[in-house]
Amino acid sequence: MQEHLAKGKTQNKKGQISNCPQGGPYPPFCCYTNFVKQTNKPMSLSKDYIVTSLQALYGTDVTSADIRGWCAMNGSSYQTVTKKLDDYKEGRGKWNLTVQEKLEETFNAPSAAPSVAVTAREEQNLIPEKDDTFVQFGNFTDIKKIIKSGLFYPTFITGLSGNGKTFSIEQACAALGRELIRVNITIETDEDDLVGGFRLVDGNTAWHNGPVIEALERGAILLLDELDLASNKILCLQSILEGKGVFLKKIGKWVKPAAGFNIFATANTKGKGSEDGRFVGTNVLNEAFLERFPVTFEQQYPSPAIEQKILEGIALDLDVNDRDFCKRLVDWADIIRKTFFDGGIDEIISTRRLVHIIRAYSIFGNKSKAIDVCTARFDDETKQAFLELYDKVDVDFEMPSEEVATEQSV
């Protein structure tokens, strides 16, 4: 200790070794003043030095009076110091020297990470196109109201397959002119897929925003499709589901949600898994994660009248003018669904399946073949039962012949 003091060092009140002849806790201040007195010219001050010094004396929130006092103490120009603090300025005569802003400034400076860059955002129109065949039903009106409100209100939509959950969200965004970013979730989906990560671009490492960050910064609607297929890696979205944004720890940047940002999620279950095994691969989602969705809508299949209107619109769009066929298909599906919900059968005909049949009819020009090929996904027994039922619904229907089966095999 005595050897250090002999070389011009002193002890402050806490017994700490200091370069400051006054023994103060912040030796650079008085050393800087002594340097000015001895050389009669100011020492070049770095931004880091100024920020650290001001924080040590006044905390993170400083005023013009604090900076003038600091300048007087250090023999610095007020204009020079405030110019170096431009990135921290909050308002007239107010500066906030927070760590977060410093992190972002460090990241954005070219010298901070010369081998790391951020890939430029590609300007593109993410507003879905309006579909003239779309018919409003179910939760569409409520979905549209939530989007139109501009409030952050995460919404969970559950229901059986092929009943228009995703389509309703897309068309609500199309009607309101809102951008939509859809992410199809699988068990492999992780933070890198959602938030972003480093990619190799032209031989250099660059940060690439994921779809979640794109939606946050654009103020777009984020659609998490088939959410119940996710693993526990989906929990990286916890803070985002609270409307607080996310801190990108790999690059030290805080991303806040832009105005209008919202999240919709669709699933075939309520996040509790599939007890009957119909939706293999669905998982039990974390309870705290599900609790962050204020509302859950249960989407049902459209009523027969609405469903017929849907099929007729698609048929006309495909130049198929057969309203009677559309009506028979709707009646057939309605009977099957009622039997399914009563526990009489294990399979169901969805609205999407009916649309498939209409499209097949427009291609092959044969009702029998259209129904046959579109029900072939079911096991033989179920398929035969469905065909026989349609035969009773439509008196003009002819059961598929062996020739049709042969054509399919060829």
Protein backbone atom coordinates (compact mmCIF):
# COMPACT_ATOMS: atom_id res chain seq x y z
CA MET A 1 0.00 0.00 0.00
CA GLN A 2 2.76 2.47 1.02
CA GLU A 3 4.60 1.74 -2.23
CA HIS A 4 1.55 2.80 -4.25
CA LEU A 5 1.07 5.97 -2.18
CA ALA A 6 4.69 6.85 -2.67
CA LYS A 7 4.14 6.95 -6.45
CA GLY A 8 1.61 9.75 -6.17
CA LYS A 9 -1.48 7.65 -5.45
CA THR A 10 -3.78 8.44 -2.52
CA GLN A 11 -6.43 6.74 -0.44
CA ASN A 12 -10.04 7.95 -0.53
CA LYS A 13 -12.36 7.93 2.46
CA LYS A 14 -13.23 4.26 1.85
CA GLY A 15 -9.59 3.26 1.91
CA GLN A 16 -9.53 2.62 -1.87
CA ILE A 17 -6.37 3.32 -3.87
CA SER A 18 -7.02 6.26 -6.19
CA ASN A 19 -5.10 8.15 -8.83
CA CYS A 20 -6.90 11.26 -7.68
CA PRO A 21 -4.80 13.55 -5.45
CA GLN A 22 -8.03 14.49 -3.69
CA GLY A 23 -8.79 10.86 -2.83
CA GLY A 24 -12.24 11.03 -4.49
CA PRO A 25 -14.21 7.98 -5.57
CA TYR A 26 -14.12 9.06 -9.24
CA PRO A 27 -10.44 9.85 -9.99
CA PRO A 28 -10.88 10.67 -13.70
CA PHE A 29 -12.81 13.87 -12.89
CA CYS A 30 -10.14 15.70 -10.96
CA CYS A 31 -7.35 14.15 -13.02
CA TYR A 32 -9.01 15.58 -16.10
CA THR A 33 -9.26 19.00 -14.40
CA ASN A 34 -5.57 18.87 -13.42
CA PHE A 35 -4.69 17.93 -17.01
CA VAL A 36 -6.53 21.01 -18.30
CA LYS A 37 -4.82 23.26 -15.77
CA GLN A 38 -1.38 21.89 -16.56
CA THR A 39 -1.67 21.85 -20.37
CA ASN A 40 -4.23 24.66 -20.84
CA LYS A 41 -6.12 22.51 -23.42
CA PRO A 42 -9.03 20.14 -23.05
CA MET A 43 -8.68 16.36 -23.15
CA SER A 44 -10.72 14.58 -25.85
CA LEU A 45 -13.73 13.01 -24.17
CA SER A 46 -15.35 9.82 -25.43
CA LYS A 47 -19.09 9.27 -25.29
CA ASP A 48 -18.62 6.28 -22.94
CA TYR A 49 -16.64 8.44 -20.54
CA ILE A 50 -19.25 11.19 -20.51
CA VAL A 51 -22.16 8.77 -19.99
CA THR A 52 -20.38 6.85 -17.23
CA SER A 53 -19.38 10.04 -15.43
CA LEU A 54 -22.85 11.57 -15.59
CA GLN A 55 -24.45 8.33 -14.40
CA ALA A 56 -22.06 8.15 -11.47
CA LEU A 57 -22.92 11.68 -10.36
CA TYR A 58 -26.59 12.15 -11.29
CA GLY A 59 -28.06 8.73 -12.16
CA THR A 60 -29.64 7.75 -15.47
CA ASP A 61 -31.99 10.76 -15.79
CA VAL A 62 -30.09 14.02 -16.21
CA THR A 63 -31.09 17.61 -17.03
CA SER A 64 -29.36 20.47 -18.77
CA ALA A 65 -28.46 21.90 -15.34
CA ASP A 66 -26.72 18.61 -14.44
CA ILE A 67 -24.75 18.63 -17.68
CA ARG A 68 -23.74 22.30 -17.26
CA GLY A 69 -22.50 21.51 -13.77
CA TRP A 70 -20.55 18.52 -15.07
CA CYS A 71 -19.05 20.65 -17.85
CA ALA A 72 -17.97 23.30 -15.35
CA MET A 73 -16.39 20.61 -13.17
CA ASN A 74 -14.50 19.11 -16.12
CA GLY A 75 -13.78 22.21 -18.16
CA SER A 76 -15.82 20.97 -21.13
CA SER A 77 -18.05 22.70 -23.65
CA TYR A 78 -21.77 22.25 -23.03
CA GLN A 79 -22.47 22.11 -26.79
CA THR A 80 -19.81 19.44 -27.36
CA VAL A 81 -21.10 17.22 -24.55
CA THR A 82 -24.77 17.50 -25.47
CA LYS A 83 -23.98 16.76 -29.11
CA LYS A 84 -22.38 13.47 -28.07
CA LEU A 85 -25.49 12.65 -26.04
CA ASP A 86 -27.96 13.08 -28.94
CA ASP A 87 -28.88 9.38 -28.90
CA TYR A 88 -29.94 9.66 -25.26
CA LYS A 89 -32.07 12.80 -25.55
CA GLU A 90 -35.72 12.40 -24.50
CA GLY A 91 -36.87 15.98 -24.77
CA ARG A 92 -35.84 19.57 -24.28
CA GLY A 93 -33.25 19.69 -21.51
CA LYS A 94 -33.78 15.99 -20.66
CA TRP A 95 -31.55 12.95 -21.28
CA ASN A 96 -32.00 9.32 -20.26
CA LEU A 97 -28.78 7.33 -19.98
CA THR A 98 -30.34 3.87 -19.75
CA VAL A 99 -28.49 0.66 -20.40
CA GLN A 100 -31.03 -0.40 -23.04
CA GLU A 101 -30.40 2.61 -25.28
CA LYS A 102 -26.70 2.07 -24.86
CA LEU A 103 -27.10 -1.56 -25.97
CA GLU A 104 -28.96 -0.55 -29.11
CA GLU A 105 -26.42 2.18 -29.87
CA THR A 106 -23.55 -0.28 -29.46
CA PHE A 107 -25.22 -2.81 -31.71
CA ASN A 108 -25.97 -0.31 -34.45
CA ALA A 109 -22.43 1.11 -34.47
CA PRO A 110 -20.39 -0.43 -37.32
CA SER A 111 -17.39 -0.87 -35.05
CA ALA A 112 -19.36 -2.85 -32.47
CA ALA A 113 -19.72 -5.96 -34.63
CA PRO A 114 -17.99 -5.62 -37.98
CA SER A 115 -18.87 -9.20 -39.05
CA VAL A 116 -22.53 -9.02 -38.00
CA ALA A 117 -25.21 -7.16 -39.90
CA VAL A 118 -29.00 -7.15 -40.05
CA THR A 119 -30.60 -8.25 -43.29
CA ALA A 120 -32.67 -5.48 -44.84
CA ARG A 121 -36.43 -5.84 -44.68
CA GLU A 122 -37.95 -6.68 -48.02
CA GLU A 123 -40.75 -4.29 -48.84
CA GLN A 124 -43.78 -6.28 -49.86
CA ASN A 125 -47.53 -6.15 -49.56
CA LEU A 126 -48.68 -8.57 -46.87
CA ILE A 127 -52.38 -7.71 -47.04
CA PRO A 128 -54.32 -10.85 -48.08
CA GLU A 129 -56.35 -10.71 -51.27
CA LYS A 130 -60.12 -10.60 -51.00
CA ASP A 131 -61.81 -13.83 -52.02
CA ASP A 132 -65.11 -13.21 -53.80
CA THR A 133 -66.33 -16.69 -52.83
CA PHE A 134 -65.97 -16.01 -49.10
CA VAL A 135 -69.21 -16.08 -47.10
CA GLN A 136 -69.29 -14.61 -43.60
CA PHE A 137 -70.31 -16.98 -40.82
CA GLY A 138 -69.35 -18.13 -37.35
CA ASN A 139 -66.91 -15.87 -35.49
CA PHE A 140 -66.02 -13.68 -38.47
CA THR A 141 -67.82 -10.58 -37.16
CA ASP A 142 -66.11 -10.84 -33.76
CA ILE A 143 -62.70 -11.42 -35.34
CA LYS A 144 -63.17 -8.36 -37.52
CA LYS A 145 -64.18 -6.22 -34.52
CA ILE A 146 -61.06 -7.25 -32.59
CA ILE A 147 -58.76 -6.39 -35.50
CA LYS A 148 -60.56 -3.13 -36.20
CA SER A 149 -60.31 -2.03 -32.55
CA GLY A 150 -56.53 -1.74 -32.84
CA LEU A 151 -56.19 -3.12 -29.32
CA PHE A 152 -53.74 -5.85 -28.47
CA TYR A 153 -56.07 -8.74 -27.73
CA PRO A 154 -54.65 -12.24 -28.43
CA THR A 155 -57.41 -14.56 -29.63
CA PHE A 156 -57.51 -18.36 -29.66
CA ILE A 157 -59.81 -20.06 -32.20
CA THR A 158 -60.49 -23.78 -31.90
CA GLY A 159 -62.61 -26.16 -33.90
CA LEU A 160 -62.66 -29.26 -36.07
CA SER A 161 -60.64 -29.41 -39.25
CA GLY A 162 -61.81 -27.66 -42.40
CA ASN A 163 -64.39 -25.30 -40.93
CA GLY A 164 -62.88 -21.95 -41.95
CA LYS A 165 -60.85 -20.85 -38.91
CA THR A 166 -57.82 -19.63 -40.83
CA PHE A 167 -59.81 -18.43 -43.83
CA SER A 168 -61.96 -16.18 -41.61
CA ILE A 169 -58.88 -14.43 -40.18
CA GLU A 170 -57.37 -13.96 -43.64
CA GLN A 171 -60.54 -12.45 -45.05
CA ALA A 172 -61.05 -10.19 -42.02
CA CYS A 173 -57.56 -8.77 -42.64
CA ALA A 174 -58.33 -8.44 -46.36
CA ALA A 175 -61.55 -6.54 -45.64
CA LEU A 176 -59.78 -4.15 -43.26
CA GLY A 177 -56.64 -3.74 -45.34
CA ARG A 178 -54.42 -5.15 -42.58
CA GLU A 179 -51.17 -7.00 -43.10
CA LEU A 180 -51.18 -10.65 -42.06
CA ILE A 181 -48.18 -12.87 -41.33
CA ARG A 182 -49.11 -16.54 -41.05
CA VAL A 183 -46.81 -19.04 -39.34
CA ASN A 184 -47.60 -22.74 -39.56
CA ILE A 185 -46.56 -24.31 -36.27
CA THR A 186 -45.06 -27.79 -35.98
CA ILE A 187 -43.40 -29.67 -33.14
CA GLU A 188 -40.05 -28.59 -34.62
CA THR A 189 -40.87 -24.86 -34.49
CA ASP A 190 -38.45 -23.10 -32.15
CA GLU A 191 -37.26 -19.61 -31.18
CA ASP A 192 -35.00 -19.37 -34.21
CA ASP A 193 -37.96 -20.02 -36.54
CA LEU A 194 -40.22 -17.53 -34.79
CA VAL A 195 -38.03 -14.71 -33.50
CA GLY A 196 -35.07 -14.98 -35.85
CA GLY A 197 -31.42 -15.89 -35.85
CA PHE A 198 -28.10 -15.54 -37.57
CA ARG A 199 -27.84 -16.50 -41.23
CA LEU A 200 -24.94 -16.66 -43.66
CA VAL A 201 -25.29 -13.88 -46.24
CA ASP A 202 -22.58 -13.38 -48.88
CA GLY A 203 -20.04 -15.09 -46.66
CA ASN A 204 -20.86 -12.93 -43.64
CA THR A 205 -23.01 -13.59 -40.59
CA ALA A 206 -26.15 -11.48 -40.51
CA TRP A 207 -29.12 -11.33 -38.18
CA HIS A 208 -32.39 -12.24 -39.90
CA ASN A 209 -35.70 -11.31 -38.29
CA GLY A 210 -38.23 -14.09 -37.86
CA PRO A 211 -41.94 -13.71 -38.72
CA VAL A 212 -42.82 -12.68 -35.16
CA ILE A 213 -40.38 -9.76 -35.20
CA GLU A 214 -41.58 -8.75 -38.67
CA ALA A 215 -45.17 -8.66 -37.41
CA LEU A 216 -44.14 -6.73 -34.28
CA GLU A 217 -42.30 -4.04 -36.22
CA ARG A 218 -44.93 -3.75 -38.96
CA GLY A 219 -47.88 -3.65 -36.57
CA ALA A 220 -49.28 -6.61 -38.51
CA ILE A 221 -51.59 -9.43 -37.48
CA LEU A 222 -49.63 -12.54 -36.51
CA LEU A 223 -51.45 -15.83 -37.18
CA LEU A 224 -50.09 -18.87 -35.35
CA ASP A 225 -51.72 -21.66 -37.33
CA GLU A 226 -52.15 -25.16 -35.80
CA LEU A 227 -50.77 -23.89 -32.48
CA ASP A 228 -51.57 -27.13 -30.64
CA LEU A 229 -48.84 -28.92 -32.64
CA ALA A 230 -46.18 -26.85 -30.84
CA SER A 231 -43.68 -28.08 -28.26
CA ASN A 232 -42.70 -26.17 -25.12
CA LYS A 233 -40.32 -24.11 -27.31
CA ILE A 234 -43.34 -21.95 -28.12
CA LEU A 235 -42.92 -20.41 -24.64
CA CYS A 236 -40.42 -17.98 -26.16
CA LEU A 237 -43.54 -15.94 -27.06
CA GLN A 238 -44.64 -15.39 -23.44
CA SER A 239 -43.66 -11.73 -23.19
CA ILE A 240 -45.00 -11.02 -26.69
CA LEU A 241 -48.40 -12.45 -25.69
CA GLU A 242 -48.44 -9.87 -22.91
CA GLY A 243 -48.03 -7.05 -25.43
CA LYS A 244 -44.63 -6.07 -24.07
CA GLY A 245 -42.47 -6.90 -27.05
CA VAL A 246 -39.31 -8.96 -26.81
CA PHE A 247 -35.63 -8.48 -26.05
CA LEU A 248 -33.41 -10.06 -28.72
CA LYS A 249 -30.67 -11.25 -26.43
CA LYS A 250 -28.41 -12.40 -29.26
CA ILE A 251 -28.04 -8.86 -30.62
CA GLY A 252 -28.96 -6.79 -27.58
CA LYS A 253 -32.01 -5.12 -29.06
CA TRP A 254 -35.45 -4.45 -27.61
CA VAL A 255 -38.33 -4.70 -30.09
CA LYS A 256 -41.59 -3.05 -29.10
CA PRO A 257 -44.87 -3.85 -30.85
CA ALA A 258 -45.98 -1.23 -33.35
CA ALA A 259 -49.54 0.07 -33.20
CA GLY A 260 -52.10 -2.46 -34.43
CA PHE A 261 -50.03 -5.56 -33.70
CA ASN A 262 -52.14 -8.51 -32.59
CA ILE A 263 -51.97 -12.29 -32.36
CA PHE A 264 -54.50 -14.92 -33.47
CA ALA A 265 -53.99 -18.63 -32.97
CA THR A 266 -55.90 -21.52 -34.51
CA ALA A 267 -56.01 -25.11 -33.34
CA ASN A 268 -58.12 -28.25 -33.63
CA THR A 269 -58.05 -28.72 -29.85
CA LYS A 270 -58.06 -26.38 -26.87
CA GLY A 271 -54.42 -27.08 -26.12
CA LYS A 272 -55.24 -30.14 -24.01
CA GLY A 273 -54.26 -32.79 -26.55
CA SER A 274 -56.48 -35.08 -28.60
CA GLU A 275 -58.17 -37.71 -26.43
CA ASP A 276 -59.82 -39.57 -29.31
CA GLY A 277 -56.65 -39.62 -31.42
CA ARG A 278 -58.25 -37.77 -34.33
CA PHE A 279 -55.57 -35.09 -34.28
CA VAL A 280 -52.39 -37.06 -33.83
CA GLY A 281 -49.40 -34.86 -33.01
CA THR A 282 -51.31 -32.27 -31.02
CA ASN A 283 -49.79 -31.54 -27.63
CA VAL A 284 -50.85 -30.34 -24.21
CA LEU A 285 -49.84 -26.69 -24.10
CA ASN A 286 -48.48 -24.90 -21.05
CA GLU A 287 -51.30 -23.54 -18.89
CA ALA A 288 -49.57 -20.20 -18.32
CA PHE A 289 -49.14 -19.85 -22.08
CA LEU A 290 -52.85 -20.52 -22.77
CA GLU A 291 -53.84 -18.12 -19.99
CA ARG A 292 -52.34 -15.27 -22.00
CA PHE A 293 -55.15 -15.58 -24.55
CA PRO A 294 -58.03 -13.49 -23.14
CA VAL A 295 -60.72 -15.12 -25.31
CA THR A 296 -61.31 -18.45 -27.03
CA PHE A 297 -63.76 -18.82 -29.91
CA GLU A 298 -65.17 -22.23 -30.78
CA GLN A 299 -65.70 -22.41 -34.53
CA GLN A 300 -68.52 -24.68 -35.74
CA TYR A 301 -69.31 -25.84 -39.25
CA PRO A 302 -71.59 -23.41 -41.10
CA SER A 303 -75.33 -23.99 -41.16
CA PRO A 304 -76.71 -25.87 -44.21
CA ALA A 305 -77.99 -22.61 -45.75
CA ILE A 306 -74.62 -20.87 -45.38
CA GLU A 307 -72.73 -23.93 -46.56
CA GLN A 308 -74.87 -24.18 -49.68
CA LYS A 309 -74.16 -20.53 -50.42
CA ILE A 310 -70.42 -21.23 -50.06
CA LEU A 311 -70.53 -24.17 -52.47
CA GLU A 312 -72.64 -22.32 -55.01
CA GLY A 313 -70.21 -19.40 -55.02
CA ILE A 314 -67.23 -21.69 -55.58
CA ALA A 315 -69.11 -23.66 -58.25
CA LEU A 316 -69.93 -20.49 -60.19
CA ASP A 317 -66.32 -19.36 -59.89
CA LEU A 318 -65.34 -22.67 -61.52
CA ASP A 319 -68.01 -22.34 -64.22
CA VAL A 320 -70.06 -25.16 -62.69
CA ASN A 321 -73.77 -24.33 -62.78
CA ASP A 322 -75.37 -27.06 -60.67
CA ARG A 323 -77.17 -25.71 -57.64
CA ASP A 324 -78.95 -29.04 -57.09
CA PHE A 325 -75.62 -30.86 -56.68
CA CYS A 326 -74.51 -28.28 -54.11
CA LYS A 327 -77.76 -28.76 -52.19
CA ARG A 328 -77.42 -32.57 -52.20
CA LEU A 329 -73.82 -32.35 -50.95
CA VAL A 330 -74.84 -30.09 -48.07
CA ASP A 331 -77.70 -32.41 -47.04
CA TRP A 332 -75.36 -35.40 -47.22
CA ALA A 333 -72.70 -33.69 -45.05
CA ASP A 334 -75.33 -32.54 -42.53
CA ILE A 335 -76.56 -36.10 -41.96
CA ILE A 336 -73.01 -37.39 -41.55
CA ARG A 337 -72.15 -34.68 -39.01
CA LYS A 338 -75.22 -35.33 -36.92
CA THR A 339 -74.38 -39.04 -36.89
CA PHE A 340 -70.78 -38.21 -35.95
CA PHE A 341 -71.75 -35.99 -33.02
CA ASP A 342 -74.17 -38.69 -31.82
CA GLY A 343 -71.28 -41.16 -31.78
CA GLY A 344 -72.59 -43.27 -34.67
CA ILE A 345 -69.45 -42.90 -36.86
CA ASP A 346 -65.83 -41.94 -36.36
CA GLU A 347 -65.34 -39.77 -39.43
CA ILE A 348 -66.83 -36.51 -40.65
CA ILE A 349 -67.23 -34.56 -43.88
CA SER A 350 -65.87 -31.03 -43.50
CA THR A 351 -66.76 -27.93 -45.47
CA ARG A 352 -63.29 -28.12 -47.00
CA ARG A 353 -64.05 -31.68 -48.18
CA LEU A 354 -67.21 -30.47 -49.90
CA VAL A 355 -65.19 -27.78 -51.68
CA HIS A 356 -62.76 -30.48 -52.80
CA ILE A 357 -65.66 -32.39 -54.33
CA ILE A 358 -66.91 -29.33 -56.23
CA ARG A 359 -63.42 -28.73 -57.59
CA ALA A 360 -63.07 -32.40 -58.59
CA TYR A 361 -66.43 -32.18 -60.36
CA SER A 362 -65.23 -29.14 -62.31
CA ILE A 363 -62.16 -31.14 -63.41
CA PHE A 364 -63.68 -34.54 -64.20
CA GLY A 365 -67.24 -33.52 -65.06
CA ASN A 366 -68.52 -36.61 -63.24
CA LYS A 367 -70.31 -36.43 -59.87
CA SER A 368 -69.73 -40.08 -59.08
CA LYS A 369 -66.00 -39.86 -59.70
CA ALA A 370 -65.70 -36.55 -57.85
CA ILE A 371 -67.23 -37.98 -54.68
CA ASP A 372 -65.38 -41.28 -55.05
CA VAL A 373 -61.89 -39.77 -55.30
CA CYS A 374 -62.55 -37.21 -52.55
CA THR A 375 -63.73 -39.83 -50.06
CA ALA A 376 -60.89 -42.22 -50.86
CA ARG A 377 -58.88 -40.77 -47.95
CA PHE A 378 -61.17 -42.68 -45.55
CA ASP A 379 -60.89 -46.41 -44.91
CA ASP A 380 -62.83 -48.66 -47.32
CA GLU A 381 -65.70 -49.35 -44.93
CA THR A 382 -66.28 -45.68 -44.12
CA LYS A 383 -65.94 -44.66 -47.76
CA GLN A 384 -68.51 -47.23 -48.86
CA ALA A 385 -70.92 -46.10 -46.14
CA PHE A 386 -70.56 -42.47 -47.26
CA LEU A 387 -71.17 -43.36 -50.90
CA GLU A 388 -74.25 -45.42 -50.07
CA LEU A 389 -75.61 -42.57 -47.99
CA TYR A 390 -75.17 -40.09 -50.83
CA ASP A 391 -76.91 -42.54 -53.15
CA LYS A 392 -79.98 -42.23 -50.91
CA VAL A 393 -79.76 -38.43 -50.80
CA ASP A 394 -79.42 -37.95 -54.57
CA VAL A 395 -81.78 -40.14 -56.65
CA ASP A 396 -79.87 -39.29 -59.80
CA PHE A 397 -76.55 -40.47 -58.39
CA GLU A 398 -74.91 -43.56 -59.79
CA MET A 399 -72.56 -45.49 -57.55
CA PRO A 400 -68.98 -45.59 -58.88
CA SER A 401 -68.48 -48.52 -61.20
CA GLU A 402 -65.49 -50.78 -61.49
CA GLU A 403 -64.52 -48.80 -64.60
CA VAL A 404 -64.06 -45.70 -62.42
CA ALA A 405 -61.93 -47.66 -59.99
CA THR A 406 -59.86 -49.01 -62.88
CA GLU A 407 -59.36 -45.49 -64.29
CA GLN A 408 -58.11 -44.34 -60.91
CA SER A 409 -55.61 -47.20 -60.66
CA VAL A 410 -54.31 -46.44 -64.13
